[in-house]
Protein backbone atom coordinates (compact mmCIF):
# COMPACT_ATOMS: atom_id res chain seq x y z
CA MET A 1 15.77 34.06 70.60
CA ASN A 2 18.70 33.22 73.29
CA MET A 3 21.41 35.81 72.50
CA PRO A 4 24.65 34.96 75.34
CA LYS A 5 26.63 37.52 75.98
CA VAL A 6 30.21 37.08 74.82
CA LEU A 7 33.63 39.31 75.75
CA VAL A 8 35.94 39.03 73.04
CA GLY A 9 39.16 40.26 74.00
CA SER A 10 42.85 39.20 74.33
CA PRO A 11 45.82 40.46 75.81
CA ILE A 12 48.06 42.62 73.27
CA SER A 13 51.72 44.15 73.08
CA ASP A 14 53.48 46.33 70.84
CA LEU A 15 55.59 43.17 69.96
CA TYR A 16 52.58 42.40 67.71
CA GLU A 17 52.91 45.95 66.15
CA TYR A 18 53.65 44.48 62.73
CA CYS A 19 50.13 42.93 62.21
CA PHE A 20 48.12 45.62 64.10
CA ASP A 21 45.99 47.17 60.55
CA LYS A 22 45.14 43.56 60.39
CA PHE A 23 43.99 42.81 63.74
CA ALA A 24 42.34 45.74 64.25
CA ALA A 25 40.20 46.20 61.19
CA SER A 26 39.31 42.11 61.74
CA ARG A 27 37.55 43.02 65.56
CA LYS A 28 35.90 45.88 64.26
CA ARG A 29 34.11 43.01 61.55
CA LEU A 30 32.91 40.51 64.08
CA THR A 31 29.14 40.12 63.26
CA TYR A 32 27.81 38.46 66.13
CA PRO A 33 25.30 41.21 67.73
CA ASN A 34 25.83 40.44 71.41
CA HIS A 35 29.56 40.61 71.64
CA ASP A 36 31.91 43.14 73.56
CA LEU A 37 35.57 44.02 72.65
CA PHE A 38 37.99 44.43 75.29
CA PHE A 39 42.06 44.61 75.24
CA VAL A 40 44.78 44.56 77.53
CA ASP A 41 47.68 45.76 76.92
CA ASN A 42 51.14 44.29 78.53
CA SER A 43 53.67 46.76 76.57
CA LYS A 44 56.46 47.76 78.41
CA GLU A 45 55.41 51.50 77.52
CA ASP A 46 51.98 53.30 76.46
CA ASP A 47 52.12 54.16 73.37
CA PHE A 48 51.09 51.41 71.99
CA SER A 49 47.85 51.77 73.84
CA LYS A 50 47.46 54.85 72.60
CA LYS A 51 47.65 53.53 69.02
CA VAL A 52 45.22 51.38 70.11
CA LYS A 53 42.61 53.72 71.91
CA ASN A 54 43.30 55.93 68.50
CA ALA A 55 41.72 53.02 66.32
CA GLY A 56 38.56 52.86 68.65
CA LEU A 57 39.30 49.59 70.41
CA PRO A 58 38.46 49.29 74.22
CA VAL A 59 41.66 49.11 75.92
CA THR A 60 43.58 48.87 79.25
CA ARG A 61 47.37 48.51 80.05
CA ILE A 62 48.44 46.05 83.18
CA PRO A 63 51.96 47.17 84.95
CA TRP A 64 55.06 45.51 83.20
CA ALA A 65 56.63 42.10 84.31
CA ASP A 66 59.79 40.37 82.59
CA LYS A 67 58.97 37.62 81.89
CA ALA A 68 56.42 37.05 79.04
CA ARG A 69 54.69 34.46 80.03
CA LEU A 70 53.48 35.86 83.23
CA ARG A 71 52.21 39.05 81.49
CA MET A 72 50.42 36.77 79.47
CA ILE A 73 48.53 34.97 82.34
CA ASN A 74 48.38 38.29 84.17
CA SER A 75 46.05 39.88 80.59
CA ARG A 76 43.76 37.09 80.44
CA ASN A 77 43.33 36.90 84.31
CA LEU A 78 41.99 40.17 84.30
CA LEU A 79 40.14 39.70 80.75
CA ARG A 80 38.75 36.49 83.29
CA LYS A 81 37.57 38.95 85.96
CA LYS A 82 36.13 41.06 83.42
CA ALA A 83 33.74 38.52 81.64
CA LEU A 84 33.02 36.74 85.24
CA GLU A 85 32.18 40.13 87.11
CA GLU A 86 30.38 41.74 84.20
CA GLY A 87 27.78 38.88 83.42
CA TYR A 88 29.28 37.64 80.44
CA ASP A 89 28.00 34.00 79.15
CA TYR A 90 31.37 33.08 77.11
CA PHE A 91 35.04 34.40 76.73
CA LEU A 92 36.50 34.49 73.25
CA ASN A 93 40.20 34.64 73.53
CA LEU A 94 41.28 35.95 70.30
CA ASP A 95 45.09 36.46 69.81
CA GLN A 96 46.61 39.61 68.51
CA ASP A 97 48.02 37.38 65.28
CA ILE A 98 44.73 35.58 64.60
CA ILE A 99 42.55 36.65 61.95
CA PRO A 100 39.21 34.82 62.50
CA PRO A 101 35.75 34.13 60.18
CA ASP A 102 33.93 37.39 60.61
CA ASP A 103 31.37 35.80 62.09
CA ILE A 104 33.73 33.37 64.17
CA VAL A 105 31.54 33.93 67.41
CA GLU A 106 28.24 32.43 65.74
CA ARG A 107 30.45 29.17 64.24
CA LEU A 108 31.54 28.48 67.72
CA ILE A 109 28.69 29.51 70.15
CA ARG A 110 25.94 26.92 68.31
CA HIS A 111 27.90 24.22 69.61
CA ASP A 112 27.04 24.71 73.07
CA LYS A 113 30.20 23.53 74.67
CA ASP A 114 32.31 24.39 77.58
CA VAL A 115 35.23 25.18 75.81
CA VAL A 116 35.72 25.23 71.53
CA THR A 117 38.50 26.00 69.57
CA GLY A 118 38.76 27.29 66.09
CA VAL A 119 41.70 26.08 63.61
CA TYR A 120 45.10 28.30 62.95
CA TYR A 121 48.28 26.61 62.08
CA ASN A 122 51.76 26.73 63.38
CA PRO A 123 55.40 26.03 61.34
CA LEU A 124 56.05 23.12 63.39
CA THR A 125 59.45 20.50 62.63
CA ASN A 126 58.24 16.96 61.83
CA SER A 127 60.50 13.58 62.74
CA LYS A 128 62.33 14.17 59.78
CA GLY A 129 63.69 17.68 61.09
CA GLU A 130 61.62 19.38 58.03
CA ARG A 131 59.15 22.65 59.00
CA GLN A 132 55.51 22.15 58.06
CA LEU A 133 52.60 24.14 58.78
CA ARG A 134 50.39 22.00 61.53
CA ALA A 135 47.12 22.83 63.03
CA VAL A 136 47.72 23.66 66.67
CA ILE A 137 45.33 20.86 67.78
CA CYS A 138 45.70 16.88 68.89
CA VAL A 139 43.60 14.23 69.64
CA LYS A 140 44.16 11.51 71.68
CA GLU A 141 44.53 7.51 70.71
CA GLY A 142 45.28 5.37 73.69
CA ASP A 143 47.81 6.87 75.88
CA LYS A 144 49.63 8.75 73.13
CA LEU A 145 48.75 12.30 71.24
CA ARG A 146 48.68 13.07 67.63
CA TYR A 147 48.20 15.65 65.67
CA LEU A 148 45.02 15.95 63.57
CA ASN A 149 45.86 15.12 59.62
CA ASN A 150 44.84 16.96 56.46
CA LYS A 151 41.91 14.62 56.20
CA GLU A 152 40.40 15.55 59.33
CA LEU A 153 40.61 18.87 58.95
CA ALA A 154 39.23 18.88 55.53
CA THR A 155 35.39 18.43 56.55
CA PRO A 156 33.88 20.72 58.68
CA HIS A 157 33.00 18.96 61.61
CA LEU A 158 32.97 18.69 65.90
CA ILE A 159 35.91 16.95 67.43
CA LYS A 160 37.41 16.05 70.68
CA VAL A 161 40.48 17.36 71.50
CA HIS A 162 43.15 17.23 74.32
CA VAL A 163 45.82 19.42 73.00
CA CYS A 164 45.03 22.86 71.56
CA GLY A 165 45.95 27.00 71.76
CA THR A 166 44.19 29.38 73.15
CA GLY A 167 44.41 31.55 69.73
CA CYS A 168 40.75 31.05 69.21
CA ILE A 169 39.29 29.25 71.79
CA LEU A 170 35.72 29.90 73.63
CA ILE A 171 34.96 29.47 77.20
CA HIS A 172 32.02 29.27 79.11
CA ARG A 173 31.52 31.44 81.90
CA LYS A 174 31.27 28.02 84.37
CA VAL A 175 34.69 27.10 83.06
CA LEU A 176 36.44 30.45 84.26
CA GLU A 177 34.60 30.35 87.26
CA LYS A 178 36.43 27.08 87.86
CA ILE A 179 40.11 27.61 86.38
CA GLU A 180 42.64 30.79 86.39
CA PHE A 181 45.49 31.17 83.68
CA ARG A 182 48.58 29.80 84.96
CA TYR A 183 52.27 28.78 84.13
CA ASP A 184 54.67 26.80 85.74
CA PRO A 185 57.92 28.78 85.69
CA ASN A 186 59.87 25.33 86.00
CA ASP A 187 58.07 24.05 82.87
CA LEU A 188 58.70 25.29 79.54
CA LEU A 189 55.01 24.82 78.49
CA PHE A 190 52.47 27.85 78.27
CA ASP A 191 49.24 28.95 79.54
CA ASP A 192 47.59 27.70 76.85
CA SER A 193 48.65 23.98 77.31
CA TRP A 194 47.73 24.44 81.10
CA PHE A 195 44.66 25.73 80.12
CA VAL A 196 43.44 22.21 78.36
CA VAL A 197 45.33 19.78 81.13
CA ASP A 198 43.24 22.30 83.68
CA ALA A 199 40.00 21.94 82.06
CA TYR A 200 40.16 17.99 81.49
CA ASP A 201 41.13 18.21 85.41
CA LYS A 202 37.93 19.76 86.40
CA GLY A 203 35.99 17.54 84.22
CA PHE A 204 35.44 19.88 81.04
CA GLU A 205 36.11 18.60 78.02
CA VAL A 206 37.37 20.51 74.80
CA TYR A 207 36.43 20.67 71.23
CA ALA A 208 37.33 21.92 67.75
CA ASP A 209 35.72 22.79 64.76
CA THR A 210 37.46 22.11 62.15
CA GLY A 211 35.27 24.54 59.90
CA ALA A 212 36.84 27.56 62.15
CA LYS A 213 39.56 27.93 60.34
CA CYS A 214 41.40 31.43 61.06
CA GLN A 215 44.42 33.36 59.22
CA HIS A 216 47.81 32.69 61.76
CA LEU A 217 50.16 35.87 61.11
CA ILE A 218 53.03 33.99 62.57
CA LEU A 219 54.85 33.89 59.65
CA GLU A 220 55.22 37.86 59.48
CA LYS A 221 56.45 37.61 62.81
CA PRO A 222 60.14 39.40 63.50
CA TRP A 223 61.08 37.30 66.24
CA ASP A 224 59.84 33.81 67.73
CA TRP A 225 58.94 32.56 71.22
CA GLY A 226 62.10 30.31 70.79
CA GLN A 227 64.23 33.45 71.25
CA LEU A 228 62.55 34.18 74.68
CA LEU A 229 62.97 31.52 76.27
CA LYS A 230 66.81 30.98 75.36
CA SER A 231 67.05 34.56 76.64
CA ASN A 232 65.39 33.33 79.63
CA THR A 233 62.52 36.46 79.34
CA ALA A 234 59.67 33.74 78.47
């Protein structure tokens, strides 16, 4: 039986210490037999790395950068490098505040796609100024993008998408070989948006498994990215 080798990891930081116990427990519950965990701590101090190690999770630290988005791409590109240099077939990025199903690797890898995302929700403001939870996934209709609606998300299926986050995303090594994680300091977009843009530019397609739903601990977060953008530290 073919059992691709998968690196599971993400950037981590003491900014997410509020969800540490759930994060650590969920990563230890992953059921796919041929995977390794690895995390990159971009916190300013080394206390958080010590906590991660004491929890039995493999971690390395990178130098502090003043800009949060720079810290993110530096972390993700170190994970990319590890996946490529150590012979992994896939890299599964699971952000620190994402709690996936225990069999998330099996769910995503079965589709045999170059890039496939799970589903998680963010609080977004609609046209009426109301805040509501929406899946971080958009499809293309003509020249326009729209979010997947609840009906489309209700039944598990695989769907081609044009916008998604990287909070729960499985990436084949041939994609990693051609794409580095990046951001544009002159644009408000984060590296996840650029990744999808670059994937399509390089001839890859991006899919979502609507049955691979994850818990997103964003409502518990004591800060938000908007604050960092306003303070020019994002």
